[in-house]
Amino acid sequence: MSVYVGKSYRGIGVGRKLLKALIRASEEAGIWTLESGIFPENTASIRSHEACGFRKVGFRERIGELDGKWKDTILMERRSKVVGS
């Protein structure tokens, strides 16, 4: 899953609110695992994901493209506490 926040809305908690809404909706739908690939230099996104219960579970080489250049990503995962609901 991915959450993108426009430049003028960064740093004010919008991304974290979107993540929390996505988590809530996924749990209501019975989805118990969310995964996200994040560019390593995007430390703000990594911190937001960690604050919402995601953890780093892997590293993927040359998996995402940005500005015509292939980049590595950190694979992050969140498992719901409401498994089987």
N, C-alpha and C. Protein backbone atom coordinates (compact mmCIF):
# COMPACT_ATOMS: atom_id res chain seq x y z
N MET A 1 0.84 -1.15 0.00
CA MET A 1 0.00 0.00 0.00
C MET A 1 0.89 1.23 0.00
N SER A 2 0.35 2.31 -0.49
CA SER A 2 1.12 3.56 -0.56
C SER A 2 0.25 4.73 -0.13
N VAL A 3 0.88 5.68 0.51
CA VAL A 3 0.24 6.93 0.89
C VAL A 3 1.15 8.05 0.40
N TYR A 4 0.60 8.94 -0.39
CA TYR A 4 1.39 10.06 -0.90
C TYR A 4 0.80 11.37 -0.37
N VAL A 5 1.67 12.26 0.10
CA VAL A 5 1.25 13.54 0.65
C VAL A 5 1.90 14.65 -0.17
N GLY A 6 1.10 15.59 -0.65
CA GLY A 6 1.62 16.71 -1.42
C GLY A 6 2.58 17.56 -0.60
N LYS A 7 3.52 18.19 -1.30
CA LYS A 7 4.57 18.98 -0.62
C LYS A 7 4.02 19.99 0.37
N SER A 8 2.96 20.67 0.01
CA SER A 8 2.44 21.73 0.88
C SER A 8 1.75 21.18 2.13
N TYR A 9 1.54 19.85 2.20
CA TYR A 9 0.88 19.24 3.36
C TYR A 9 1.81 18.36 4.19
N ARG A 10 3.08 18.35 3.86
CA ARG A 10 4.04 17.52 4.59
C ARG A 10 4.44 18.16 5.91
N GLY A 11 4.72 17.30 6.90
CA GLY A 11 5.21 17.79 8.18
C GLY A 11 4.15 18.26 9.14
N ILE A 12 2.86 18.05 8.81
CA ILE A 12 1.79 18.50 9.71
C ILE A 12 0.88 17.35 10.15
N GLY A 13 1.33 16.11 9.91
CA GLY A 13 0.59 14.95 10.39
C GLY A 13 -0.43 14.36 9.44
N VAL A 14 -0.51 14.87 8.22
CA VAL A 14 -1.49 14.36 7.26
C VAL A 14 -1.21 12.89 6.92
N GLY A 15 0.05 12.56 6.67
CA GLY A 15 0.40 11.19 6.32
C GLY A 15 0.04 10.21 7.41
N ARG A 16 0.29 10.56 8.63
CA ARG A 16 -0.02 9.68 9.76
C ARG A 16 -1.53 9.49 9.89
N LYS A 17 -2.30 10.56 9.69
CA LYS A 17 -3.76 10.45 9.74
C LYS A 17 -4.28 9.54 8.63
N LEU A 18 -3.69 9.66 7.44
CA LEU A 18 -4.09 8.79 6.33
C LEU A 18 -3.74 7.34 6.62
N LEU A 19 -2.56 7.10 7.18
CA LEU A 19 -2.16 5.74 7.54
C LEU A 19 -3.13 5.14 8.55
N LYS A 20 -3.48 5.90 9.57
CA LYS A 20 -4.38 5.41 10.60
C LYS A 20 -5.76 5.09 10.02
N ALA A 21 -6.24 5.93 9.09
CA ALA A 21 -7.53 5.67 8.45
C ALA A 21 -7.45 4.41 7.58
N LEU A 22 -6.35 4.22 6.89
CA LEU A 22 -6.16 3.03 6.07
C LEU A 22 -6.10 1.78 6.94
N ILE A 23 -5.41 1.85 8.05
CA ILE A 23 -5.33 0.72 8.98
C ILE A 23 -6.72 0.37 9.50
N ARG A 24 -7.45 1.37 9.92
CA ARG A 24 -8.80 1.16 10.45
C ARG A 24 -9.70 0.50 9.39
N ALA A 25 -9.66 1.03 8.17
CA ALA A 25 -10.49 0.48 7.09
C ALA A 25 -10.08 -0.94 6.73
N SER A 26 -8.78 -1.21 6.73
CA SER A 26 -8.32 -2.56 6.39
C SER A 26 -8.76 -3.56 7.45
N GLU A 27 -8.68 -3.17 8.71
CA GLU A 27 -9.10 -4.07 9.79
C GLU A 27 -10.61 -4.33 9.73
N GLU A 28 -11.38 -3.29 9.43
CA GLU A 28 -12.83 -3.47 9.30
C GLU A 28 -13.17 -4.41 8.14
N ALA A 29 -12.31 -4.43 7.12
CA ALA A 29 -12.52 -5.30 5.96
C ALA A 29 -11.92 -6.69 6.16
N GLY A 30 -11.31 -6.94 7.33
CA GLY A 30 -10.73 -8.24 7.63
C GLY A 30 -9.34 -8.46 7.06
N ILE A 31 -8.70 -7.38 6.61
CA ILE A 31 -7.33 -7.48 6.11
C ILE A 31 -6.40 -7.37 7.30
N TRP A 32 -5.54 -8.36 7.48
CA TRP A 32 -4.72 -8.38 8.68
C TRP A 32 -3.25 -8.04 8.44
N THR A 33 -2.82 -7.92 7.19
CA THR A 33 -1.43 -7.55 6.91
C THR A 33 -1.39 -6.45 5.87
N LEU A 34 -0.64 -5.39 6.16
CA LEU A 34 -0.38 -4.32 5.20
C LEU A 34 1.12 -4.28 4.94
N GLU A 35 1.50 -4.08 3.68
CA GLU A 35 2.91 -3.95 3.32
C GLU A 35 3.11 -2.66 2.54
N SER A 36 4.26 -2.06 2.74
CA SER A 36 4.60 -0.83 2.05
C SER A 36 6.08 -0.83 1.69
N GLY A 37 6.40 -0.38 0.49
CA GLY A 37 7.79 -0.21 0.08
C GLY A 37 8.14 1.26 0.08
N ILE A 38 9.20 1.63 0.80
CA ILE A 38 9.55 3.04 0.99
C ILE A 38 11.01 3.25 0.61
N PHE A 39 11.28 4.32 -0.13
CA PHE A 39 12.66 4.64 -0.46
C PHE A 39 13.43 4.91 0.84
N PRO A 40 14.63 4.36 0.98
CA PRO A 40 15.40 4.51 2.23
C PRO A 40 15.62 5.95 2.67
N GLU A 41 15.75 6.87 1.73
CA GLU A 41 15.99 8.27 2.10
C GLU A 41 14.73 8.99 2.58
N ASN A 42 13.57 8.36 2.46
CA ASN A 42 12.33 8.97 2.91
C ASN A 42 12.11 8.66 4.39
N THR A 43 12.97 9.24 5.21
CA THR A 43 12.95 8.95 6.65
C THR A 43 11.67 9.40 7.33
N ALA A 44 11.04 10.46 6.84
CA ALA A 44 9.78 10.91 7.45
C ALA A 44 8.70 9.85 7.27
N SER A 45 8.63 9.25 6.10
CA SER A 45 7.64 8.21 5.86
C SER A 45 7.95 6.97 6.70
N ILE A 46 9.20 6.61 6.80
CA ILE A 46 9.58 5.45 7.62
C ILE A 46 9.18 5.69 9.07
N ARG A 47 9.44 6.88 9.60
CA ARG A 47 9.07 7.20 10.98
C ARG A 47 7.55 7.15 11.17
N SER A 48 6.81 7.69 10.21
CA SER A 48 5.34 7.67 10.31
C SER A 48 4.81 6.24 10.30
N HIS A 49 5.35 5.42 9.42
CA HIS A 49 4.93 4.02 9.38
C HIS A 49 5.27 3.31 10.70
N GLU A 50 6.45 3.53 11.22
CA GLU A 50 6.83 2.91 12.49
C GLU A 50 5.90 3.36 13.61
N ALA A 51 5.55 4.64 13.63
CA ALA A 51 4.65 5.17 14.66
C ALA A 51 3.26 4.55 14.57
N CYS A 52 2.91 4.03 13.40
CA CYS A 52 1.60 3.39 13.19
C CYS A 52 1.69 1.87 13.28
N GLY A 53 2.79 1.36 13.80
CA GLY A 53 2.90 -0.07 14.04
C GLY A 53 3.57 -0.89 12.96
N PHE A 54 4.10 -0.25 11.92
CA PHE A 54 4.83 -0.98 10.89
C PHE A 54 6.23 -1.28 11.38
N ARG A 55 6.82 -2.34 10.84
CA ARG A 55 8.21 -2.67 11.16
C ARG A 55 8.93 -3.01 9.86
N LYS A 56 10.22 -2.81 9.86
CA LYS A 56 11.04 -3.13 8.69
C LYS A 56 11.21 -4.64 8.63
N VAL A 57 10.89 -5.23 7.47
CA VAL A 57 11.00 -6.68 7.33
C VAL A 57 11.90 -7.09 6.17
N GLY A 58 12.35 -6.11 5.37
CA GLY A 58 13.20 -6.48 4.25
C GLY A 58 13.70 -5.30 3.47
N PHE A 59 14.49 -5.62 2.46
CA PHE A 59 15.11 -4.64 1.60
C PHE A 59 15.01 -5.18 0.18
N ARG A 60 14.51 -4.37 -0.75
CA ARG A 60 14.35 -4.82 -2.13
C ARG A 60 15.20 -3.95 -3.04
N GLU A 61 16.02 -4.57 -3.83
CA GLU A 61 16.93 -3.84 -4.71
C GLU A 61 16.26 -3.51 -6.04
N ARG A 62 16.46 -2.27 -6.47
CA ARG A 62 16.00 -1.81 -7.79
C ARG A 62 14.56 -2.20 -8.08
N ILE A 63 13.66 -1.90 -7.16
CA ILE A 63 12.27 -2.32 -7.30
C ILE A 63 11.33 -1.16 -7.63
N GLY A 64 11.72 0.07 -7.30
CA GLY A 64 10.88 1.23 -7.56
C GLY A 64 11.58 2.22 -8.46
N GLU A 65 10.81 2.88 -9.31
CA GLU A 65 11.40 3.86 -10.23
C GLU A 65 10.99 5.27 -9.82
N LEU A 66 11.94 6.17 -9.81
CA LEU A 66 11.70 7.57 -9.48
C LEU A 66 12.53 8.42 -10.42
N ASP A 67 11.87 9.29 -11.14
CA ASP A 67 12.54 10.19 -12.09
C ASP A 67 13.41 9.43 -13.08
N GLY A 68 12.90 8.29 -13.56
CA GLY A 68 13.60 7.50 -14.55
C GLY A 68 14.77 6.69 -14.03
N LYS A 69 14.91 6.62 -12.71
CA LYS A 69 16.04 5.91 -12.10
C LYS A 69 15.49 4.82 -11.16
N TRP A 70 16.01 3.59 -11.31
CA TRP A 70 15.57 2.49 -10.45
C TRP A 70 16.20 2.62 -9.07
N LYS A 71 15.37 2.40 -8.05
CA LYS A 71 15.81 2.61 -6.67
C LYS A 71 15.44 1.42 -5.81
N ASP A 72 16.19 1.29 -4.71
CA ASP A 72 15.91 0.27 -3.71
C ASP A 72 14.75 0.76 -2.82
N THR A 73 14.09 -0.18 -2.17
CA THR A 73 13.07 0.18 -1.19
C THR A 73 13.25 -0.65 0.07
N ILE A 74 12.77 -0.10 1.17
CA ILE A 74 12.67 -0.83 2.44
C ILE A 74 11.25 -1.38 2.49
N LEU A 75 11.12 -2.67 2.75
CA LEU A 75 9.81 -3.30 2.87
C LEU A 75 9.38 -3.22 4.33
N MET A 76 8.21 -2.60 4.54
CA MET A 76 7.67 -2.47 5.89
C MET A 76 6.34 -3.19 5.95
N GLU A 77 6.04 -3.73 7.13
CA GLU A 77 4.83 -4.54 7.29
C GLU A 77 4.15 -4.20 8.61
N ARG A 78 2.83 -4.29 8.59
CA ARG A 78 2.04 -4.13 9.82
C ARG A 78 1.04 -5.27 9.86
N ARG A 79 1.04 -5.97 10.96
CA ARG A 79 0.07 -7.05 11.15
C ARG A 79 -0.95 -6.60 12.19
N SER A 80 -2.21 -6.82 11.86
CA SER A 80 -3.30 -6.42 12.74
C SER A 80 -3.36 -7.28 13.99
N LYS A 81 -3.81 -6.68 15.04
CA LYS A 81 -4.05 -7.41 16.29
C LYS A 81 -5.41 -8.09 16.27
N VAL A 82 -6.22 -7.81 15.25
CA VAL A 82 -7.57 -8.37 15.17
C VAL A 82 -7.63 -9.48 14.12
N VAL A 83 -6.64 -10.34 14.10
CA VAL A 83 -6.59 -11.46 13.17
C VAL A 83 -7.82 -12.34 13.38
N GLY A 84 -8.44 -12.71 12.29
CA GLY A 84 -9.58 -13.61 12.35
C GLY A 84 -10.90 -12.92 12.62
N SER A 85 -10.91 -11.61 12.64
CA SER A 85 -12.17 -10.89 12.88
C SER A 85 -13.01 -10.88 11.63
